[in-house]
Every structure is written in C-alpha cells, then in structure tokens.
C-alpha cells in the first residue's frame, strides 16, 4: 500500500456538472470499497485505522458527496438522491457496478437502519 488514508492526496472527478472530491488508496487489485458518509459528512470523518485496514486487501475510495466539504453542487436532500450522486461519481471514475466490474459500499448512516 503506497498511500494511506492520511497521506493520500485529495483528487477530483466531475460528473453531471458536479466536482467531487475523493481519495483512493490501498491495494490496486480487488473489489473497490466506496466509503459513503452520512448526510453532510465528509471523507475526513472516517477513522483511518478502519479505512487503512480495509486498504490492505482492496482499493478504498473515500468521497465527499455533492455539496459536502470540498465537492460542489447542491447537497442531496434524500437518501435516494445521495445514492444517485454516488452512482454518478463512481461512473465518473470508470468503476462500474455489476458482475464485470463490481464495487462494494460502506456507509456511516446514523439512522440505525
């Protein structure tokens, strides 16, 4: 693992007019794990001990959803819109959801569901 949660630089990807801030680190091979925060939570709200642990075996992607922290655009008002924006971001990176190029997601949703 070349970079860690703390040492990896923040990058940007654009989709549908929104500029998303993200960090990608960990192993280059394996199924990527996308870390999605709760409403208005940013990529810096994850515990590096957790994200670095996952990064030992797979690529880890942290991102700021639309309108959050270093990403621009309007902050999503519903969980469905948050998911739509996350899909747009993942597609902008060239990572596809499906059997050919799978991705997994981890969420820090504080609703308890």
Foldseek 3Di string as FASTA:
>chain_A
DPDFLVRFDWDWFDFPRKIKIKGKAADDDDAEEEEAEEQLDAQVVDDRVVQRVVRPPHMYMGIAFDPHDPMHDDGDPDPVVSVVRVQRVCVRVVADPDDVRHHHYDYHYPPPD
